[in-house]
Amino acid sequence: MTSGHGLLMTDPLEAMKGEVVVLDTGTPIVYLGRLVEVCEHTFVLEAADMHDCRDGHAKKDAYLAEVRNDGVTVNRRRVVVMRSAIISVSRLADVADE
């Protein structure tokens, strides 16, 4: 795919494959894990954490900063997440400190 300026553009989601990512939802639930597949309707994560931020004291941003520092607590070997549930995708390494 090229832009209007003739530059080659790559899919940013494909570039994240193999990395630990954050799949952010519009709810208190957040998914973290190694992105292994990007499909038309789904994301597939391995060594994943499906975390409901209502289950604890930390708000979503504080939880993500904690995980970035301490590592992902795996509670799913593999999880398939519907793309329609996701509002943003980022690398865990890109999560900023509070």
N, C-alpha and C. Protein backbone atom coordinates (compact mmCIF):
# COMPACT_ATOMS: atom_id res chain seq x y z
N MET A 1 0.84 -1.16 0.00
CA MET A 1 0.00 0.00 0.00
C MET A 1 0.90 1.24 0.00
N THR A 2 0.53 2.24 -0.78
CA THR A 2 1.30 3.47 -0.81
C THR A 2 0.43 4.63 -0.41
N SER A 3 1.05 5.67 0.11
CA SER A 3 0.33 6.88 0.44
C SER A 3 0.24 7.74 -0.81
N GLY A 4 -0.45 8.84 -0.71
CA GLY A 4 -0.56 9.76 -1.83
C GLY A 4 0.77 10.37 -2.22
N HIS A 5 1.78 10.23 -1.37
CA HIS A 5 3.10 10.80 -1.65
C HIS A 5 4.06 9.75 -2.18
N GLY A 6 3.57 8.55 -2.49
CA GLY A 6 4.41 7.50 -3.04
C GLY A 6 5.21 6.73 -2.00
N LEU A 7 4.98 6.98 -0.71
CA LEU A 7 5.70 6.27 0.33
C LEU A 7 5.01 4.95 0.64
N LEU A 8 5.78 3.92 0.88
CA LEU A 8 5.24 2.63 1.24
C LEU A 8 4.73 2.69 2.67
N MET A 9 3.48 2.29 2.90
CA MET A 9 2.89 2.29 4.23
C MET A 9 2.71 0.86 4.69
N THR A 10 3.04 0.59 5.96
CA THR A 10 2.85 -0.74 6.51
C THR A 10 1.71 -0.70 7.51
N ASP A 11 1.08 -1.83 7.73
CA ASP A 11 0.00 -1.95 8.70
C ASP A 11 0.61 -1.90 10.09
N PRO A 12 0.25 -0.91 10.90
CA PRO A 12 0.86 -0.82 12.24
C PRO A 12 0.52 -2.01 13.13
N LEU A 13 -0.62 -2.66 12.91
CA LEU A 13 -0.97 -3.84 13.70
C LEU A 13 -0.07 -5.01 13.33
N GLU A 14 0.20 -5.20 12.06
CA GLU A 14 1.10 -6.27 11.64
C GLU A 14 2.50 -6.05 12.22
N ALA A 15 2.91 -4.80 12.32
CA ALA A 15 4.23 -4.48 12.86
C ALA A 15 4.33 -4.83 14.34
N MET A 16 3.20 -4.94 15.04
CA MET A 16 3.19 -5.27 16.47
C MET A 16 3.16 -6.76 16.75
N LYS A 17 2.99 -7.59 15.72
CA LYS A 17 2.93 -9.03 15.93
C LYS A 17 4.20 -9.52 16.62
N GLY A 18 4.01 -10.38 17.62
CA GLY A 18 5.12 -10.92 18.38
C GLY A 18 5.46 -10.10 19.61
N GLU A 19 4.87 -8.91 19.73
CA GLU A 19 5.13 -8.04 20.86
C GLU A 19 3.99 -8.13 21.88
N VAL A 20 4.28 -7.74 23.13
CA VAL A 20 3.25 -7.67 24.15
C VAL A 20 2.50 -6.36 23.94
N VAL A 21 1.17 -6.49 23.78
CA VAL A 21 0.33 -5.34 23.48
C VAL A 21 -0.78 -5.18 24.51
N VAL A 22 -1.36 -4.00 24.50
CA VAL A 22 -2.53 -3.68 25.31
C VAL A 22 -3.69 -3.48 24.34
N LEU A 23 -4.76 -4.26 24.54
CA LEU A 23 -6.00 -4.05 23.79
C LEU A 23 -6.95 -3.37 24.75
N ASP A 24 -7.21 -2.11 24.49
CA ASP A 24 -8.02 -1.29 25.39
C ASP A 24 -9.47 -1.29 24.91
N THR A 25 -10.38 -1.48 25.85
CA THR A 25 -11.80 -1.47 25.54
C THR A 25 -12.43 -0.20 26.12
N GLY A 26 -13.66 0.06 25.77
CA GLY A 26 -14.40 1.19 26.33
C GLY A 26 -14.98 0.86 27.69
N THR A 27 -14.60 -0.26 28.25
CA THR A 27 -15.07 -0.72 29.55
C THR A 27 -13.87 -0.83 30.49
N PRO A 28 -14.08 -1.23 31.74
CA PRO A 28 -12.93 -1.43 32.65
C PRO A 28 -12.08 -2.65 32.30
N ILE A 29 -12.47 -3.43 31.31
CA ILE A 29 -11.70 -4.62 30.93
C ILE A 29 -10.60 -4.24 29.95
N VAL A 30 -9.41 -4.79 30.19
CA VAL A 30 -8.27 -4.58 29.32
C VAL A 30 -7.62 -5.94 29.06
N TYR A 31 -7.09 -6.13 27.85
CA TYR A 31 -6.40 -7.36 27.48
C TYR A 31 -4.95 -7.04 27.24
N LEU A 32 -4.06 -7.87 27.78
CA LEU A 32 -2.63 -7.72 27.56
C LEU A 32 -2.08 -9.08 27.16
N GLY A 33 -1.13 -9.10 26.26
CA GLY A 33 -0.51 -10.36 25.86
C GLY A 33 0.28 -10.21 24.59
N ARG A 34 0.91 -11.31 24.19
CA ARG A 34 1.71 -11.32 22.96
C ARG A 34 0.77 -11.47 21.77
N LEU A 35 0.80 -10.49 20.89
CA LEU A 35 -0.06 -10.49 19.70
C LEU A 35 0.47 -11.49 18.69
N VAL A 36 -0.33 -12.51 18.39
CA VAL A 36 0.13 -13.55 17.46
C VAL A 36 -0.64 -13.56 16.14
N GLU A 37 -1.87 -13.05 16.15
CA GLU A 37 -2.66 -12.99 14.91
C GLU A 37 -3.50 -11.73 14.89
N VAL A 38 -3.58 -11.14 13.69
CA VAL A 38 -4.45 -10.00 13.45
C VAL A 38 -5.34 -10.42 12.28
N CYS A 39 -6.61 -10.60 12.58
CA CYS A 39 -7.55 -11.05 11.56
C CYS A 39 -8.57 -9.95 11.29
N GLU A 40 -9.43 -10.17 10.32
CA GLU A 40 -10.42 -9.16 9.95
C GLU A 40 -11.33 -8.81 11.12
N HIS A 41 -11.72 -9.81 11.92
CA HIS A 41 -12.68 -9.57 13.00
C HIS A 41 -12.12 -9.82 14.39
N THR A 42 -10.88 -10.30 14.48
CA THR A 42 -10.35 -10.67 15.79
C THR A 42 -8.87 -10.34 15.93
N PHE A 43 -8.45 -10.27 17.20
CA PHE A 43 -7.05 -10.26 17.58
C PHE A 43 -6.83 -11.54 18.38
N VAL A 44 -5.68 -12.17 18.24
CA VAL A 44 -5.35 -13.34 19.03
C VAL A 44 -4.11 -13.03 19.85
N LEU A 45 -4.24 -13.22 21.18
CA LEU A 45 -3.14 -13.01 22.10
C LEU A 45 -2.76 -14.33 22.74
N GLU A 46 -1.48 -14.51 23.01
CA GLU A 46 -1.01 -15.66 23.78
C GLU A 46 -0.32 -15.13 25.04
N ALA A 47 -0.22 -16.00 26.06
CA ALA A 47 0.36 -15.62 27.35
C ALA A 47 -0.29 -14.31 27.79
N ALA A 48 -1.61 -14.35 27.90
CA ALA A 48 -2.41 -13.14 28.05
C ALA A 48 -3.00 -12.96 29.45
N ASP A 49 -3.36 -11.72 29.70
CA ASP A 49 -4.06 -11.31 30.92
C ASP A 49 -5.32 -10.59 30.49
N MET A 50 -6.47 -11.15 30.84
CA MET A 50 -7.73 -10.44 30.68
C MET A 50 -8.03 -9.88 32.06
N HIS A 51 -7.96 -8.56 32.19
CA HIS A 51 -8.08 -7.94 33.51
C HIS A 51 -9.26 -6.99 33.57
N ASP A 52 -10.08 -7.15 34.60
CA ASP A 52 -11.18 -6.23 34.87
C ASP A 52 -10.70 -5.27 35.95
N CYS A 53 -10.54 -4.03 35.60
CA CYS A 53 -9.98 -3.04 36.54
C CYS A 53 -10.93 -2.71 37.68
N ARG A 54 -12.14 -3.25 37.67
CA ARG A 54 -13.04 -3.09 38.82
C ARG A 54 -12.63 -4.05 39.94
N ASP A 55 -11.82 -5.07 39.59
CA ASP A 55 -11.37 -6.08 40.56
C ASP A 55 -10.08 -5.65 41.24
N GLY A 56 -10.10 -4.56 41.94
CA GLY A 56 -8.90 -4.09 42.61
C GLY A 56 -8.96 -2.60 42.81
N HIS A 57 -7.88 -2.05 43.27
CA HIS A 57 -7.84 -0.64 43.61
C HIS A 57 -7.41 0.24 42.44
N ALA A 58 -6.61 -0.32 41.55
CA ALA A 58 -5.97 0.49 40.51
C ALA A 58 -6.91 0.79 39.35
N LYS A 59 -6.89 2.02 38.90
CA LYS A 59 -7.58 2.39 37.67
C LYS A 59 -6.76 1.81 36.51
N LYS A 60 -7.34 1.85 35.33
CA LYS A 60 -6.72 1.21 34.17
C LYS A 60 -5.29 1.71 33.92
N ASP A 61 -5.07 3.01 33.92
CA ASP A 61 -3.73 3.54 33.65
C ASP A 61 -2.72 3.09 34.69
N ALA A 62 -3.12 3.09 35.96
CA ALA A 62 -2.21 2.65 37.03
C ALA A 62 -1.91 1.17 36.89
N TYR A 63 -2.92 0.36 36.53
CA TYR A 63 -2.69 -1.07 36.34
C TYR A 63 -1.71 -1.32 35.20
N LEU A 64 -1.88 -0.60 34.09
CA LEU A 64 -0.99 -0.79 32.95
C LEU A 64 0.44 -0.40 33.28
N ALA A 65 0.63 0.68 34.03
CA ALA A 65 1.98 1.09 34.44
C ALA A 65 2.59 0.02 35.34
N GLU A 66 1.78 -0.57 36.21
CA GLU A 66 2.27 -1.64 37.09
C GLU A 66 2.70 -2.86 36.29
N VAL A 67 1.89 -3.25 35.33
CA VAL A 67 2.20 -4.40 34.49
C VAL A 67 3.45 -4.13 33.65
N ARG A 68 3.58 -2.92 33.14
CA ARG A 68 4.77 -2.58 32.36
C ARG A 68 6.03 -2.76 33.18
N ASN A 69 5.96 -2.43 34.46
CA ASN A 69 7.13 -2.55 35.34
C ASN A 69 7.34 -3.97 35.84
N ASP A 70 6.24 -4.71 36.14
CA ASP A 70 6.33 -6.02 36.79
C ASP A 70 6.13 -7.20 35.85
N GLY A 71 5.58 -6.98 34.66
CA GLY A 71 5.31 -8.06 33.72
C GLY A 71 3.86 -8.50 33.76
N VAL A 72 3.44 -9.17 32.71
CA VAL A 72 2.06 -9.64 32.56
C VAL A 72 1.83 -10.85 33.44
N THR A 73 0.74 -10.83 34.20
CA THR A 73 0.30 -11.99 34.97
C THR A 73 -0.64 -12.79 34.07
N VAL A 74 -0.16 -13.92 33.59
CA VAL A 74 -0.90 -14.70 32.60
C VAL A 74 -2.06 -15.44 33.26
N ASN A 75 -3.28 -15.20 32.74
CA ASN A 75 -4.44 -15.98 33.17
C ASN A 75 -5.17 -16.61 31.98
N ARG A 76 -4.60 -16.45 30.79
CA ARG A 76 -5.11 -17.09 29.58
C ARG A 76 -3.91 -17.51 28.73
N ARG A 77 -3.83 -18.79 28.35
CA ARG A 77 -2.76 -19.21 27.45
C ARG A 77 -2.96 -18.58 26.07
N ARG A 78 -4.22 -18.51 25.67
CA ARG A 78 -4.58 -17.95 24.35
C ARG A 78 -5.97 -17.37 24.47
N VAL A 79 -6.17 -16.18 23.90
CA VAL A 79 -7.48 -15.57 23.93
C VAL A 79 -7.73 -14.91 22.57
N VAL A 80 -8.95 -15.07 22.09
CA VAL A 80 -9.39 -14.43 20.85
C VAL A 80 -10.32 -13.28 21.25
N VAL A 81 -9.96 -12.09 20.81
CA VAL A 81 -10.70 -10.89 21.19
C VAL A 81 -11.34 -10.29 19.94
N MET A 82 -12.61 -9.99 20.03
CA MET A 82 -13.31 -9.39 18.90
C MET A 82 -12.80 -7.97 18.67
N ARG A 83 -12.47 -7.65 17.44
CA ARG A 83 -11.98 -6.30 17.12
C ARG A 83 -13.03 -5.25 17.44
N SER A 84 -14.31 -5.60 17.34
CA SER A 84 -15.37 -4.63 17.61
C SER A 84 -15.38 -4.17 19.07
N ALA A 85 -14.76 -4.93 19.97
CA ALA A 85 -14.71 -4.57 21.38
C ALA A 85 -13.55 -3.65 21.72
N ILE A 86 -12.64 -3.44 20.78
CA ILE A 86 -11.38 -2.73 21.05
C ILE A 86 -11.44 -1.30 20.52
N ILE A 87 -10.99 -0.36 21.38
CA ILE A 87 -10.95 1.04 20.95
C ILE A 87 -9.54 1.52 20.63
N SER A 88 -8.52 0.81 21.17
CA SER A 88 -7.14 1.16 20.82
C SER A 88 -6.22 -0.02 21.07
N VAL A 89 -5.09 0.00 20.37
CA VAL A 89 -4.06 -1.02 20.52
C VAL A 89 -2.73 -0.30 20.67
N SER A 90 -1.95 -0.72 21.66
CA SER A 90 -0.62 -0.14 21.84
C SER A 90 0.33 -1.19 22.35
N ARG A 91 1.60 -0.96 22.16
CA ARG A 91 2.62 -1.81 22.74
C ARG A 91 2.65 -1.54 24.24
N LEU A 92 2.82 -2.58 25.05
CA LEU A 92 2.94 -2.38 26.49
C LEU A 92 4.13 -1.48 26.79
N ALA A 93 5.19 -1.61 26.02
CA ALA A 93 6.38 -0.80 26.22
C ALA A 93 6.11 0.70 26.00
N ASP A 94 5.03 1.02 25.28
CA ASP A 94 4.69 2.43 25.01
C ASP A 94 3.79 3.04 26.08
N VAL A 95 3.39 2.26 27.08
CA VAL A 95 2.56 2.81 28.16
C VAL A 95 3.43 3.75 28.99
N ALA A 96 2.95 4.97 29.17
CA ALA A 96 3.71 5.99 29.90
C ALA A 96 3.52 5.83 31.39
N ASP A 97 4.55 6.23 32.14
CA ASP A 97 4.42 6.28 33.61
C ASP A 97 3.40 7.33 33.97
N GLU A 98 2.78 7.15 35.11
CA GLU A 98 1.79 8.13 35.57
C GLU A 98 2.44 9.44 35.89
